[in-house]
Amino acid sequence: MAIIEISCAEVWHEISNYLDGEISAELRERMAAHFKVCANCTAVLEGTQNVVGLVGDGRVFQVPEGFSERLYKKIFTR
């Protein structure tokens, strides 16, 4: 059976569900194939995994002044 390609936008939309194991086997296979060839989406996956790990850690981290504003600006200007 051939794997149907998936767009980066679709990958980004489903990345949380992918990490939580809440997608179909077919979609998981399509996304896994996409990660093998797309460095950008692989970076998004790894970054998301890192954020989930940090948040789930339970420790509190102090961030530099203005960090939140810069982060929101980066997120919403893509």
N, C-alpha and C. Protein backbone atom coordinates (compact mmCIF):
# COMPACT_ATOMS: atom_id res chain seq x y z
N MET A 1 0.84 -1.18 0.00
CA MET A 1 0.00 0.00 0.00
C MET A 1 0.88 1.24 0.00
N ALA A 2 0.62 2.17 -0.90
CA ALA A 2 1.38 3.40 -1.00
C ALA A 2 0.95 4.38 0.08
N ILE A 3 1.94 5.10 0.59
CA ILE A 3 1.65 6.12 1.60
C ILE A 3 1.29 7.41 0.87
N ILE A 4 0.15 7.97 1.23
CA ILE A 4 -0.28 9.24 0.64
C ILE A 4 0.44 10.36 1.38
N GLU A 5 1.03 11.26 0.60
CA GLU A 5 1.77 12.37 1.20
C GLU A 5 0.86 13.24 2.06
N ILE A 6 1.49 13.96 2.97
CA ILE A 6 0.79 14.87 3.86
C ILE A 6 1.55 16.20 3.85
N SER A 7 0.82 17.30 3.89
CA SER A 7 1.44 18.63 3.85
C SER A 7 1.99 19.01 5.23
N CYS A 8 2.90 19.97 5.21
CA CYS A 8 3.44 20.49 6.46
C CYS A 8 2.33 21.07 7.34
N ALA A 9 1.39 21.78 6.73
CA ALA A 9 0.29 22.37 7.50
C ALA A 9 -0.53 21.29 8.21
N GLU A 10 -0.76 20.18 7.52
CA GLU A 10 -1.50 19.07 8.15
C GLU A 10 -0.69 18.47 9.30
N VAL A 11 0.61 18.34 9.09
CA VAL A 11 1.48 17.80 10.14
C VAL A 11 1.43 18.69 11.37
N TRP A 12 1.58 20.00 11.16
CA TRP A 12 1.56 20.93 12.29
C TRP A 12 0.23 20.89 13.02
N HIS A 13 -0.85 20.74 12.27
CA HIS A 13 -2.19 20.68 12.87
C HIS A 13 -2.34 19.45 13.76
N GLU A 14 -1.70 18.36 13.40
CA GLU A 14 -1.88 17.09 14.11
C GLU A 14 -0.72 16.72 15.04
N ILE A 15 0.27 17.58 15.17
CA ILE A 15 1.48 17.20 15.89
C ILE A 15 1.21 16.85 17.36
N SER A 16 0.34 17.57 18.00
CA SER A 16 0.00 17.27 19.39
C SER A 16 -0.69 15.92 19.49
N ASN A 17 -1.62 15.67 18.59
CA ASN A 17 -2.30 14.37 18.58
C ASN A 17 -1.32 13.24 18.27
N TYR A 18 -0.34 13.51 17.41
CA TYR A 18 0.70 12.52 17.09
C TYR A 18 1.47 12.16 18.35
N LEU A 19 1.89 13.16 19.10
CA LEU A 19 2.64 12.91 20.33
C LEU A 19 1.81 12.21 21.39
N ASP A 20 0.52 12.50 21.42
CA ASP A 20 -0.37 11.88 22.39
C ASP A 20 -0.86 10.50 21.96
N GLY A 21 -0.53 10.10 20.73
CA GLY A 21 -0.97 8.80 20.22
C GLY A 21 -2.45 8.76 19.91
N GLU A 22 -3.01 9.92 19.58
CA GLU A 22 -4.45 10.03 19.34
C GLU A 22 -4.79 10.22 17.87
N ILE A 23 -4.06 9.53 17.00
CA ILE A 23 -4.34 9.57 15.57
C ILE A 23 -4.42 8.14 15.05
N SER A 24 -4.99 8.01 13.88
CA SER A 24 -5.11 6.68 13.28
C SER A 24 -3.74 6.14 12.89
N ALA A 25 -3.66 4.85 12.73
CA ALA A 25 -2.40 4.22 12.31
C ALA A 25 -1.99 4.73 10.93
N GLU A 26 -2.96 4.95 10.07
CA GLU A 26 -2.68 5.44 8.72
C GLU A 26 -2.08 6.84 8.77
N LEU A 27 -2.64 7.73 9.59
CA LEU A 27 -2.12 9.09 9.71
C LEU A 27 -0.74 9.07 10.37
N ARG A 28 -0.55 8.24 11.36
CA ARG A 28 0.76 8.12 12.02
C ARG A 28 1.82 7.70 11.00
N GLU A 29 1.49 6.76 10.14
CA GLU A 29 2.42 6.29 9.11
C GLU A 29 2.75 7.42 8.12
N ARG A 30 1.72 8.17 7.72
CA ARG A 30 1.94 9.29 6.80
C ARG A 30 2.83 10.35 7.43
N MET A 31 2.57 10.66 8.71
CA MET A 31 3.37 11.67 9.39
C MET A 31 4.80 11.19 9.59
N ALA A 32 4.99 9.94 9.96
CA ALA A 32 6.33 9.39 10.16
C ALA A 32 7.12 9.46 8.85
N ALA A 33 6.46 9.15 7.73
CA ALA A 33 7.11 9.24 6.43
C ALA A 33 7.49 10.69 6.13
N HIS A 34 6.62 11.62 6.48
CA HIS A 34 6.88 13.05 6.25
C HIS A 34 8.09 13.50 7.08
N PHE A 35 8.16 13.07 8.34
CA PHE A 35 9.29 13.47 9.20
C PHE A 35 10.62 12.99 8.63
N LYS A 36 10.61 11.87 7.92
CA LYS A 36 11.85 11.33 7.35
C LYS A 36 12.43 12.22 6.25
N VAL A 37 11.56 13.03 5.61
CA VAL A 37 12.03 13.84 4.48
C VAL A 37 11.93 15.35 4.72
N CYS A 38 11.32 15.77 5.80
CA CYS A 38 11.10 17.20 6.05
C CYS A 38 11.82 17.63 7.33
N ALA A 39 12.94 18.30 7.16
CA ALA A 39 13.72 18.75 8.31
C ALA A 39 12.96 19.79 9.13
N ASN A 40 12.16 20.64 8.47
CA ASN A 40 11.42 21.67 9.17
C ASN A 40 10.40 21.05 10.12
N CYS A 41 9.62 20.10 9.62
CA CYS A 41 8.61 19.46 10.47
C CYS A 41 9.25 18.61 11.56
N THR A 42 10.41 18.02 11.26
CA THR A 42 11.13 17.26 12.28
C THR A 42 11.57 18.19 13.40
N ALA A 43 12.01 19.39 13.05
CA ALA A 43 12.41 20.38 14.05
C ALA A 43 11.21 20.80 14.90
N VAL A 44 10.05 20.98 14.25
CA VAL A 44 8.83 21.33 14.98
C VAL A 44 8.46 20.20 15.94
N LEU A 45 8.55 18.96 15.48
CA LEU A 45 8.26 17.81 16.33
C LEU A 45 9.19 17.77 17.53
N GLU A 46 10.48 17.91 17.30
CA GLU A 46 11.45 17.87 18.39
C GLU A 46 11.26 19.03 19.35
N GLY A 47 10.96 20.21 18.82
CA GLY A 47 10.70 21.36 19.68
C GLY A 47 9.46 21.16 20.54
N THR A 48 8.43 20.60 19.93
CA THR A 48 7.20 20.33 20.67
C THR A 48 7.44 19.30 21.76
N GLN A 49 8.22 18.27 21.44
CA GLN A 49 8.56 17.26 22.44
C GLN A 49 9.33 17.89 23.60
N ASN A 50 10.23 18.81 23.28
CA ASN A 50 11.00 19.49 24.33
C ASN A 50 10.10 20.33 25.22
N VAL A 51 9.18 21.06 24.61
CA VAL A 51 8.26 21.90 25.39
C VAL A 51 7.39 21.03 26.29
N VAL A 52 6.86 19.95 25.75
CA VAL A 52 6.03 19.05 26.55
C VAL A 52 6.84 18.49 27.72
N GLY A 53 8.08 18.13 27.44
CA GLY A 53 8.94 17.62 28.51
C GLY A 53 9.22 18.65 29.59
N LEU A 54 9.47 19.88 29.18
CA LEU A 54 9.73 20.95 30.15
C LEU A 54 8.49 21.27 30.97
N VAL A 55 7.36 21.36 30.33
CA VAL A 55 6.11 21.69 31.04
C VAL A 55 5.74 20.55 31.98
N GLY A 56 5.92 19.33 31.52
CA GLY A 56 5.57 18.17 32.34
C GLY A 56 6.54 17.93 33.48
N ASP A 57 7.69 18.57 33.44
CA ASP A 57 8.71 18.40 34.45
C ASP A 57 8.25 18.94 35.80
N GLY A 58 7.45 20.00 35.78
CA GLY A 58 6.93 20.55 37.02
C GLY A 58 7.81 21.61 37.66
N ARG A 59 9.01 21.80 37.16
CA ARG A 59 9.87 22.84 37.71
C ARG A 59 9.49 24.19 37.10
N VAL A 60 9.80 25.24 37.82
CA VAL A 60 9.52 26.59 37.34
C VAL A 60 10.83 27.18 36.82
N PHE A 61 10.75 27.78 35.64
CA PHE A 61 11.93 28.39 35.04
C PHE A 61 11.69 29.89 34.91
N GLN A 62 12.67 30.67 35.28
CA GLN A 62 12.61 32.10 35.07
C GLN A 62 13.08 32.38 33.65
N VAL A 63 12.32 33.17 32.93
CA VAL A 63 12.71 33.53 31.57
C VAL A 63 13.13 34.99 31.55
N PRO A 64 13.98 35.35 30.60
CA PRO A 64 14.44 36.74 30.52
C PRO A 64 13.28 37.71 30.29
N GLU A 65 13.45 38.93 30.74
CA GLU A 65 12.44 39.97 30.55
C GLU A 65 12.16 40.14 29.06
N GLY A 66 10.89 40.22 28.71
CA GLY A 66 10.49 40.41 27.33
C GLY A 66 10.38 39.11 26.53
N PHE A 67 10.73 37.98 27.13
CA PHE A 67 10.71 36.71 26.42
C PHE A 67 9.32 36.36 25.91
N SER A 68 8.32 36.52 26.76
CA SER A 68 6.95 36.17 26.36
C SER A 68 6.50 36.97 25.15
N GLU A 69 6.78 38.26 25.15
CA GLU A 69 6.38 39.10 24.03
C GLU A 69 7.08 38.67 22.74
N ARG A 70 8.38 38.38 22.83
CA ARG A 70 9.12 37.93 21.65
C ARG A 70 8.59 36.59 21.16
N LEU A 71 8.28 35.70 22.07
CA LEU A 71 7.75 34.39 21.70
C LEU A 71 6.41 34.53 20.98
N TYR A 72 5.49 35.28 21.55
CA TYR A 72 4.18 35.48 20.92
C TYR A 72 4.33 36.12 19.54
N LYS A 73 5.25 37.07 19.42
CA LYS A 73 5.47 37.73 18.14
C LYS A 73 5.93 36.72 17.09
N LYS A 74 6.85 35.83 17.47
CA LYS A 74 7.35 34.81 16.54
C LYS A 74 6.22 33.84 16.16
N ILE A 75 5.43 33.43 17.13
CA ILE A 75 4.36 32.46 16.87
C ILE A 75 3.33 33.04 15.92
N PHE A 76 2.93 34.28 16.15
CA PHE A 76 1.83 34.85 15.39
C PHE A 76 2.23 35.58 14.11
N THR A 77 3.53 35.59 13.77
CA THR A 77 3.95 36.22 12.53
C THR A 77 4.36 35.20 11.49
N ARG A 78 4.08 33.95 11.71
CA ARG A 78 4.41 32.89 10.74
C ARG A 78 3.38 32.81 9.68
